[in-house]
C-alpha atoms as a PDB file:
ATOM      1  CA  MET A   1      54.168   1.687  35.604  1.00  0.00           C
ATOM      2  CA  ASP A   2      50.560   2.468  36.424  1.00  0.00           C
ATOM      3  CA  VAL A   3      50.048   3.973  33.544  1.00  0.00           C
ATOM      4  CA  PHE A   4      52.058   1.223  31.679  1.00  0.00           C
ATOM      5  CA  LEU A   5      49.832  -1.743  33.357  1.00  0.00           C
ATOM      6  CA  TRP A   6      46.715   0.221  33.749  1.00  0.00           C
ATOM      7  CA  VAL A   7      46.313   2.332  30.500  1.00  0.00           C
ATOM      8  CA  ILE A   8      48.947   1.146  27.868  1.00  0.00           C
ATOM      9  CA  VAL A   9      48.679  -2.932  28.410  1.00  0.00           C
ATOM     10  CA  PRO A  10      44.854  -3.095  28.436  1.00  0.00           C
ATOM     11  CA  TYR A  11      44.527  -1.176  25.153  1.00  0.00           C
ATOM     12  CA  LEU A  12      47.322  -3.141  23.350  1.00  0.00           C
ATOM     13  CA  CYS A  13      45.328  -6.247  24.397  1.00  0.00           C
ATOM     14  CA  LEU A  14      42.025  -4.542  23.268  1.00  0.00           C
ATOM     15  CA  ALA A  15      43.374  -3.765  19.853  1.00  0.00           C
ATOM     16  CA  THR A  16      45.179  -6.992  19.248  1.00  0.00           C
ATOM     17  CA  PHE A  17      41.461  -8.643  20.055  1.00  0.00           C
ATOM     18  CA  VAL A  18      39.725  -6.382  17.484  1.00  0.00           C
ATOM     19  CA  LEU A  19      42.186  -6.604  15.040  1.00  0.00           C
ATOM     20  CA  GLY A  20      43.167  -9.942  15.322  1.00  0.00           C
ATOM     21  CA  HIS A  21      39.855 -11.248  14.835  1.00  0.00           C
ATOM     22  CA  ALA A  22      39.422  -8.996  11.576  1.00  0.00           C
ATOM     23  CA  TRP A  23      42.731 -10.618  10.430  1.00  0.00           C
ATOM     24  CA  ARG A  24      41.670 -14.222  11.225  1.00  0.00           C
ATOM     25  CA  TYR A  25      38.631 -13.593   9.396  1.00  0.00           C
ATOM     26  CA  ARG A  26      39.962 -12.271   6.604  1.00  0.00           C
ATOM     27  CA  TYR A  27      42.847 -14.918   5.924  1.00  0.00           C
ATOM     28  CA  ASP A  28      41.870 -18.235   7.693  1.00  0.00           C
ATOM     29  CA  LYS A  29      38.069 -18.632   7.262  1.00  0.00           C
ATOM     30  CA  PHE A  30      38.253 -22.176   6.969  1.00  0.00           C
ATOM     31  CA  GLY A  31      40.325 -22.390  10.556  1.00  0.00           C
ATOM     32  CA  TRP A  32      37.715 -20.508  12.271  1.00  0.00           C
ATOM     33  CA  THR A  33      36.447 -23.336  14.508  1.00  0.00           C
ATOM     34  CA  THR A  34      36.419 -25.369  17.501  1.00  0.00           C
ATOM     35  CA  ARG A  35      38.291 -28.226  16.093  1.00  0.00           C
ATOM     36  CA  SER A  36      35.808 -30.644  17.507  1.00  0.00           C
ATOM     37  CA  SER A  37      37.058 -33.858  18.924  1.00  0.00           C
ATOM     38  CA  GLN A  38      33.602 -35.448  19.444  1.00  0.00           C
ATOM     39  CA  LEU A  39      34.210 -38.456  16.819  1.00  0.00           C
ATOM     40  CA  TYR A  40      37.435 -39.386  19.142  1.00  0.00           C
ATOM     41  CA  GLU A  41      35.679 -39.648  22.455  1.00  0.00           C
ATOM     42  CA  ASN A  42      32.144 -38.571  23.740  1.00  0.00           C
ATOM     43  CA  ARG A  43      31.520 -40.078  27.291  1.00  0.00           C
ATOM     44  CA  LEU A  44      33.701 -37.156  29.037  1.00  0.00           C
ATOM     45  CA  LEU A  45      32.944 -34.637  26.634  1.00  0.00           C
ATOM     46  CA  ARG A  46      29.114 -34.890  27.448  1.00  0.00           C
ATOM     47  CA  LEU A  47      29.981 -34.483  30.986  1.00  0.00           C
ATOM     48  CA  GLY A  48      32.826 -31.879  30.927  1.00  0.00           C
ATOM     49  CA  SER A  49      31.497 -29.521  28.005  1.00  0.00           C
ATOM     50  CA  PRO A  50      28.201 -28.642  29.360  1.00  0.00           C
ATOM     51  CA  LEU A  51      29.205 -27.927  32.949  1.00  0.00           C
ATOM     52  CA  PHE A  52      32.228 -25.609  31.445  1.00  0.00           C
ATOM     53  CA  HIS A  53      30.095 -23.874  29.060  1.00  0.00           C
ATOM     54  CA  PHE A  54      26.813 -22.819  31.519  1.00  0.00           C
ATOM     55  CA  GLY A  55      29.689 -22.357  34.387  1.00  0.00           C
ATOM     56  CA  MET A  56      31.064 -19.648  31.735  1.00  0.00           C
ATOM     57  CA  LEU A  57      27.779 -18.157  30.921  1.00  0.00           C
ATOM     58  CA  GLY A  58      27.057 -17.675  34.702  1.00  0.00           C
ATOM     59  CA  VAL A  59      30.644 -16.344  35.318  1.00  0.00           C
ATOM     60  CA  VAL A  60      30.343 -13.780  31.776  1.00  0.00           C
ATOM     61  CA  GLY A  61      26.940 -12.530  33.322  1.00  0.00           C
ATOM     62  CA  GLY A  62      27.867 -11.953  36.766  1.00  0.00           C
ATOM     63  CA  HIS A  63      31.380 -10.138  35.281  1.00  0.00           C
ATOM     64  CA  VAL A  64      28.547  -8.313  33.287  1.00  0.00           C
ATOM     65  CA  ILE A  65      26.420  -6.795  36.126  1.00  0.00           C
ATOM     66  CA  GLY A  66      29.392  -6.619  38.595  1.00  0.00           C
ATOM     67  CA  LEU A  67      31.403  -4.361  36.027  1.00  0.00           C
ATOM     68  CA  LEU A  68      29.165  -2.764  34.106  1.00  0.00           C
ATOM     69  CA  VAL A  69      26.240  -2.041  36.487  1.00  0.00           C
ATOM     70  CA  PRO A  70      27.023   0.750  38.621  1.00  0.00           C
ATOM     71  CA  ARG A  71      26.573   0.598  42.155  1.00  0.00           C
ATOM     72  CA  SER A  72      24.013   3.567  42.270  1.00  0.00           C
ATOM     73  CA  TRP A  73      21.878   1.679  39.941  1.00  0.00           C
ATOM     74  CA  THR A  74      20.900  -1.370  42.044  1.00  0.00           C
ATOM     75  CA  ASP A  75      20.719   1.124  45.260  1.00  0.00           C
ATOM     76  CA  ALA A  76      17.728   2.989  43.051  1.00  0.00           C
ATOM     77  CA  ILE A  77      15.786  -0.486  42.661  1.00  0.00           C
ATOM     78  CA  GLY A  78      16.224  -1.466  46.218  1.00  0.00           C
ATOM     79  CA  ILE A  79      18.925  -3.871  46.322  1.00  0.00           C
ATOM     80  CA  ASP A  80      21.285  -3.023  49.139  1.00  0.00           C
ATOM     81  CA  ASP A  81      24.699  -4.162  49.723  1.00  0.00           C
ATOM     82  CA  HIS A  82      24.153  -7.395  51.881  1.00  0.00           C
ATOM     83  CA  ALA A  83      21.758  -8.376  49.169  1.00  0.00           C
ATOM     84  CA  TYR A  84      23.823  -7.366  46.405  1.00  0.00           C
ATOM     85  CA  HIS A  85      27.086  -9.219  48.089  1.00  0.00           C
ATOM     86  CA  LEU A  86      25.395 -12.399  48.787  1.00  0.00           C
ATOM     87  CA  VAL A  87      23.867 -13.197  45.472  1.00  0.00           C
ATOM     88  CA  ALA A  88      27.381 -12.268  44.283  1.00  0.00           C
ATOM     89  CA  VAL A  89      29.238 -14.702  46.263  1.00  0.00           C
ATOM     90  CA  ALA A  90      26.926 -17.315  45.800  1.00  0.00           C
ATOM     91  CA  GLY A  91      26.708 -17.371  42.193  1.00  0.00           C
ATOM     92  CA  GLY A  92      29.956 -16.569  41.734  1.00  0.00           C
ATOM     93  CA  LEU A  93      31.368 -19.723  43.480  1.00  0.00           C
ATOM     94  CA  VAL A  94      28.643 -21.871  42.089  1.00  0.00           C
ATOM     95  CA  ALA A  95      29.553 -20.603  38.382  1.00  0.00           C
ATOM     96  CA  GLY A  96      33.206 -20.846  38.855  1.00  0.00           C
ATOM     97  CA  ALA A  97      33.228 -24.030  40.510  1.00  0.00           C
ATOM     98  CA  MET A  98      31.211 -25.325  37.446  1.00  0.00           C
ATOM     99  CA  ALA A  99      33.459 -23.848  35.023  1.00  0.00           C
ATOM    100  CA  LEU A 100      36.459 -25.017  36.695  1.00  0.00           C
ATOM    101  CA  ALA A 101      35.550 -28.745  37.011  1.00  0.00           C
ATOM    102  CA  GLY A 102      34.196 -28.823  33.751  1.00  0.00           C
ATOM    103  CA  MET A 103      37.662 -27.545  32.174  1.00  0.00           C
ATOM    104  CA  ALA A 104      39.504 -29.978  34.355  1.00  0.00           C
ATOM    105  CA  ILE A 105      37.560 -32.961  32.996  1.00  0.00           C
ATOM    106  CA  LEU A 106      38.307 -31.291  29.092  1.00  0.00           C
ATOM    107  CA  VAL A 107      41.816 -31.087  29.844  1.00  0.00           C
ATOM    108  CA  TYR A 108      41.961 -34.511  31.471  1.00  0.00           C
ATOM    109  CA  ARG A 109      40.191 -35.820  28.312  1.00  0.00           C
ATOM    110  CA  ARG A 110      42.504 -34.074  25.866  1.00  0.00           C
ATOM    111  CA  ARG A 111      45.327 -35.393  27.875  1.00  0.00           C
ATOM    112  CA  THR A 112      44.446 -39.084  28.318  1.00  0.00           C
ATOM    113  CA  VAL A 113      42.835 -39.805  25.174  1.00  0.00           C
ATOM    114  CA  GLY A 114      45.390 -40.379  22.382  1.00  0.00           C
ATOM    115  CA  PRO A 115      43.594 -39.157  19.252  1.00  0.00           C
ATOM    116  CA  VAL A 116      42.365 -36.033  21.312  1.00  0.00           C
ATOM    117  CA  PHE A 117      45.687 -35.091  22.452  1.00  0.00           C
ATOM    118  CA  SER A 118      47.166 -35.715  18.858  1.00  0.00           C
ATOM    119  CA  ALA A 119      44.862 -33.229  17.741  1.00  0.00           C
ATOM    120  CA  THR A 120      46.055 -30.481  20.554  1.00  0.00           C
ATOM    121  CA  THR A 121      47.966 -27.682  19.328  1.00  0.00           C
ATOM    122  CA  PRO A 122      50.616 -25.358  21.528  1.00  0.00           C
ATOM    123  CA  MET A 123      48.018 -22.812  21.220  1.00  0.00           C
ATOM    124  CA  ASP A 124      45.283 -24.827  22.841  1.00  0.00           C
ATOM    125  CA  LYS A 125      47.975 -25.716  25.745  1.00  0.00           C
ATOM    126  CA  VAL A 126      48.628 -21.989  26.070  1.00  0.00           C
ATOM    127  CA  MET A 127      44.845 -21.077  25.913  1.00  0.00           C
ATOM    128  CA  TYR A 128      43.884 -23.691  28.589  1.00  0.00           C
ATOM    129  CA  ALA A 129      46.724 -22.406  30.984  1.00  0.00           C
ATOM    130  CA  PHE A 130      45.564 -18.528  30.612  1.00  0.00           C
ATOM    131  CA  LEU A 131      41.555 -19.733  30.949  1.00  0.00           C
ATOM    132  CA  GLY A 132      42.395 -21.776  34.038  1.00  0.00           C
ATOM    133  CA  ALA A 133      44.521 -18.925  35.662  1.00  0.00           C
ATOM    134  CA  VAL A 134      41.616 -16.613  34.833  1.00  0.00           C
ATOM    135  CA  ILE A 135      39.014 -18.494  36.409  1.00  0.00           C
ATOM    136  CA  ALA A 136      41.284 -19.741  39.434  1.00  0.00           C
ATOM    137  CA  LEU A 137      41.942 -16.129  40.301  1.00  0.00           C
ATOM    138  CA  GLY A 138      38.760 -14.802  39.771  1.00  0.00           C
ATOM    139  CA  MET A 139      37.724 -17.483  42.387  1.00  0.00           C
ATOM    140  CA  TRP A 140      40.154 -16.666  44.711  1.00  0.00           C
ATOM    141  CA  ASN A 141      39.090 -12.986  44.712  1.00  0.00           C
ATOM    142  CA  THR A 142      35.552 -14.115  45.702  1.00  0.00           C
ATOM    143  CA  ILE A 143      37.132 -16.486  48.056  1.00  0.00           C
ATOM    144  CA  ALA A 144      39.674 -14.276  49.958  1.00  0.00           C
ATOM    145  CA  GLY A 145      37.899 -10.966  49.343  1.00  0.00           C
ATOM    146  CA  SER A 146      34.343 -11.673  50.396  1.00  0.00           C
ATOM    147  CA  ILE A 147      34.593 -14.835  52.917  1.00  0.00           C
ATOM    148  CA  PHE A 148      38.061 -14.214  54.500  1.00  0.00           C
ATOM    149  CA  THR A 149      38.179 -10.665  54.559  1.00  0.00           C
ATOM    150  CA  LEU A 150      41.766 -10.422  55.061  1.00  0.00           C
ATOM    151  CA  GLY A 151      42.242  -6.962  55.816  1.00  0.00           C
ATOM    152  CA  GLY A 152      39.021  -6.055  55.511  1.00  0.00           C
ATOM    153  CA  GLU A 153      36.772  -6.507  52.587  1.00  0.00           C
ATOM    154  CA  TYR A 154      37.528  -4.725  49.154  1.00  0.00           C
ATOM    155  CA  ASN A 155      34.442  -3.200  47.455  1.00  0.00           C
ATOM    156  CA  TYR A 156      35.302  -3.824  43.986  1.00  0.00           C
ATOM    157  CA  ARG A 157      32.086  -1.833  42.961  1.00  0.00           C
ATOM    158  CA  GLU A 158      33.899   1.186  43.735  1.00  0.00           C
ATOM    159  CA  GLY A 159      37.260   0.232  42.500  1.00  0.00           C
ATOM    160  CA  VAL A 160      37.860  -2.132  39.630  1.00  0.00           C
ATOM    161  CA  SER A 161      34.100  -1.286  38.225  1.00  0.00           C
ATOM    162  CA  VAL A 162      35.007   2.339  38.059  1.00  0.00           C
ATOM    163  CA  TRP A 163      38.197   1.795  36.315  1.00  0.00           C
ATOM    164  CA  TYR A 164      36.718  -0.449  33.697  1.00  0.00           C
ATOM    165  CA  ARG A 165      33.792   1.857  32.705  1.00  0.00           C
ATOM    166  CA  SER A 166      36.585   4.706  32.646  1.00  0.00           C
ATOM    167  CA  PHE A 167      38.724   2.344  30.367  1.00  0.00           C
ATOM    168  CA  LEU A 168      35.515   1.145  28.105  1.00  0.00           C
ATOM    169  CA  ALA A 169      35.034   5.295  27.945  1.00  0.00           C
ATOM    170  CA  PHE A 170      38.544   5.956  26.920  1.00  0.00           C
ATOM    171  CA  THR A 171      39.199   7.734  30.192  1.00  0.00           C
ATOM    172  CA  PRO A 172      41.063   5.310  32.229  1.00  0.00           C
ATOM    173  CA  ASP A 173      42.154   6.217  35.892  1.00  0.00           C
ATOM    174  CA  ALA A 174      45.029   3.996  36.530  1.00  0.00           C
ATOM    175  CA  SER A 175      44.893   4.589  39.962  1.00  0.00           C
ATOM    176  CA  LEU A 176      42.107   2.806  40.477  1.00  0.00           C
ATOM    177  CA  MET A 177      43.364  -0.281  39.684  1.00  0.00           C
ATOM    178  CA  ALA A 178      46.700   0.440  41.368  1.00  0.00           C
ATOM    179  CA  ASP A 179      45.018   0.543  44.848  1.00  0.00           C
ATOM    180  CA  ALA A 180      43.238  -2.655  44.086  1.00  0.00           C
ATOM    181  CA  PRO A 181      44.494  -5.976  45.898  1.00  0.00           C
ATOM    182  CA  ILE A 182      46.857  -7.921  44.091  1.00  0.00           C
ATOM    183  CA  GLY A 183      44.515 -10.767  43.576  1.00  0.00           C
ATOM    184  CA  PHE A 184      42.087  -8.537  41.523  1.00  0.00           C
ATOM    185  CA  ARG A 185      45.304  -6.729  39.615  1.00  0.00           C
ATOM    186  CA  LEU A 186      46.584 -10.281  38.605  1.00  0.00           C
ATOM    187  CA  HIS A 187      43.137 -11.420  37.395  1.00  0.00           C
ATOM    188  CA  ALA A 188      42.738  -8.368  35.145  1.00  0.00           C
ATOM    189  CA  LEU A 189      46.244  -8.752  33.720  1.00  0.00           C
ATOM    190  CA  VAL A 190      45.824 -12.293  33.021  1.00  0.00           C
ATOM    191  CA  ALA A 191      42.443 -11.775  31.117  1.00  0.00           C
ATOM    192  CA  PHE A 192      43.675  -9.060  29.251  1.00  0.00           C
ATOM    193  CA  GLY A 193      46.453 -11.227  28.072  1.00  0.00           C
ATOM    194  CA  LEU A 194      43.620 -14.032  27.395  1.00  0.00           C
ATOM    195  CA  PHE A 195      41.944 -11.481  25.302  1.00  0.00           C
ATOM    196  CA  ALA A 196      45.124 -10.615  23.641  1.00  0.00           C
ATOM    197  CA  LEU A 197      45.500 -14.503  22.649  1.00  0.00           C
ATOM    198  CA  TRP A 198      41.789 -15.045  21.834  1.00  0.00           C
ATOM    199  CA  PRO A 199      41.548 -14.530  17.766  1.00  0.00           C
ATOM    200  CA  PHE A 200      44.563 -16.727  17.302  1.00  0.00           C
ATOM    201  CA  THR A 201      42.896 -19.692  19.267  1.00  0.00           C
ATOM    202  CA  ARG A 202      39.834 -21.889  19.043  1.00  0.00           C
ATOM    203  CA  LEU A 203      37.695 -19.516  21.387  1.00  0.00           C
ATOM    204  CA  VAL A 204      36.767 -17.850  18.062  1.00  0.00           C
ATOM    205  CA  HIS A 205      34.128 -20.006  18.002  1.00  0.00           C
ATOM    206  CA  VAL A 206      32.188 -17.887  20.496  1.00  0.00           C
ATOM    207  CA  PHE A 207      31.353 -15.166  17.830  1.00  0.00           C
ATOM    208  CA  SER A 208      29.934 -18.017  15.530  1.00  0.00           C
ATOM    209  CA  ALA A 209      26.338 -18.635  15.625  1.00  0.00           C
ATOM    210  CA  PRO A 210      24.086 -20.697  13.258  1.00  0.00           C
ATOM    211  CA  LEU A 211      21.607 -17.825  12.698  1.00  0.00           C
ATOM    212  CA  GLY A 212      21.331 -19.017   9.106  1.00  0.00           C
ATOM    213  CA  TYR A 213      19.556 -22.222  10.598  1.00  0.00           C
ATOM    214  CA  LEU A 214      16.602 -20.196  11.576  1.00  0.00           C
ATOM    215  CA  THR A 215      15.452 -19.180   7.956  1.00  0.00           C
ATOM    216  CA  ARG A 216      17.142 -21.487   5.692  1.00  0.00           C
ATOM    217  CA  PRO A 217      14.645 -23.544   3.848  1.00  0.00           C
ATOM    218  CA  TYR A 218      13.911 -26.891   4.697  1.00  0.00           C
ATOM    219  CA  LEU A 219      15.974 -29.939   3.151  1.00  0.00           C
ATOM    220  CA  VAL A 220      14.632 -32.688   0.849  1.00  0.00           C
ATOM    221  CA  TYR A 221      15.737 -35.990   1.124  1.00  0.00           C
ATOM    222  CA  ARG A 222      14.435 -38.637  -1.560  1.00  0.00           C
ATOM    223  CA  SER A 223      15.478 -42.111  -1.262  1.00  0.00           C
ATOM    224  CA  ARG A 224      16.933 -44.380  -3.952  1.00  0.00           C
ATOM    225  CA  ASP A 225      14.228 -47.143  -3.201  1.00  0.00           C
ATOM    226  CA  GLY A 226      11.503 -46.890  -5.849  1.00  0.00           C
ATOM    227  CA  ARG A 227       9.150 -48.662  -3.697  1.00  0.00           C
ATOM    228  CA  LEU A 228       9.181 -45.877  -0.871  1.00  0.00           C
ATOM    229  CA  GLY A 229       8.346 -43.270  -3.453  1.00  0.00           C
ATOM    230  CA  ARG A 230       5.007 -45.038  -4.397  1.00  0.00           C
ATOM    231  CA  SER A 231       1.749 -43.908  -3.842  1.00  0.00           C
ATOM    232  CA  THR A 232      -1.547 -45.801  -3.978  1.00  0.00           C
ATOM    233  CA  PRO A 233      -4.215 -44.386  -6.143  1.00  0.00           C
ATOM    234  CA  TRP A 234      -6.719 -42.667  -4.298  1.00  0.00           C
ATOM    235  CA  SER A 235     -10.130 -44.396  -4.593  1.00  0.00           C
ATOM    236  CA  PRO A 236     -13.840 -43.716  -2.918  1.00  0.00           C
ATOM    237  CA  ARG A 237     -14.815 -45.895  -0.352  1.00  0.00           C
ATOM    238  CA  ALA A 238     -17.969 -48.095  -1.011  1.00  0.00           C
END
């Protein structure tokens, strides 16, 4: 069971993530969109969207540092465990709270604004459920594992992080995740489920950036009013 949960399932989700995006881009280019609903309602969107997106930037950044940066690297530059723990907990709680609050506003908007609710697909609802569960479990792990320290604090940098790096190196050690607290295991499984769903939801817009805007030529606008296009003949001053 450990091999199934922490070797087979993660790689199946990773394969679905990669191949699903390739399929979506090949056969559904016109559906590769956020399905924006800004025209239907803007007040709640202006509040919830920045909260959610800036919060998620912090969450993703924290995960990149926590999972990919080995403990020996931070020790080598003079960051001890206490300082790292303090920054990780404070930053994780703030970023997670922002993302969760922003998502709550967006879900409330989607449920209460008629046109937005009508434009909501079943896959949107599934995506929101998985995304909310991932964020909530991550915050619970931070609170229960770092503040309450029930049964002693779990050092994920010596367990989950090592497993994740071994997973990316295609040499996964299932025992590392099998020994992790239940909250961390649930968080990882739901996150992998979200990655498997990713190519078939509006989340594909994460990989779309308007980089062409940086190099495209200026747009020339011409007025139909002939008077605006007239120029006064130049004459030297007396």
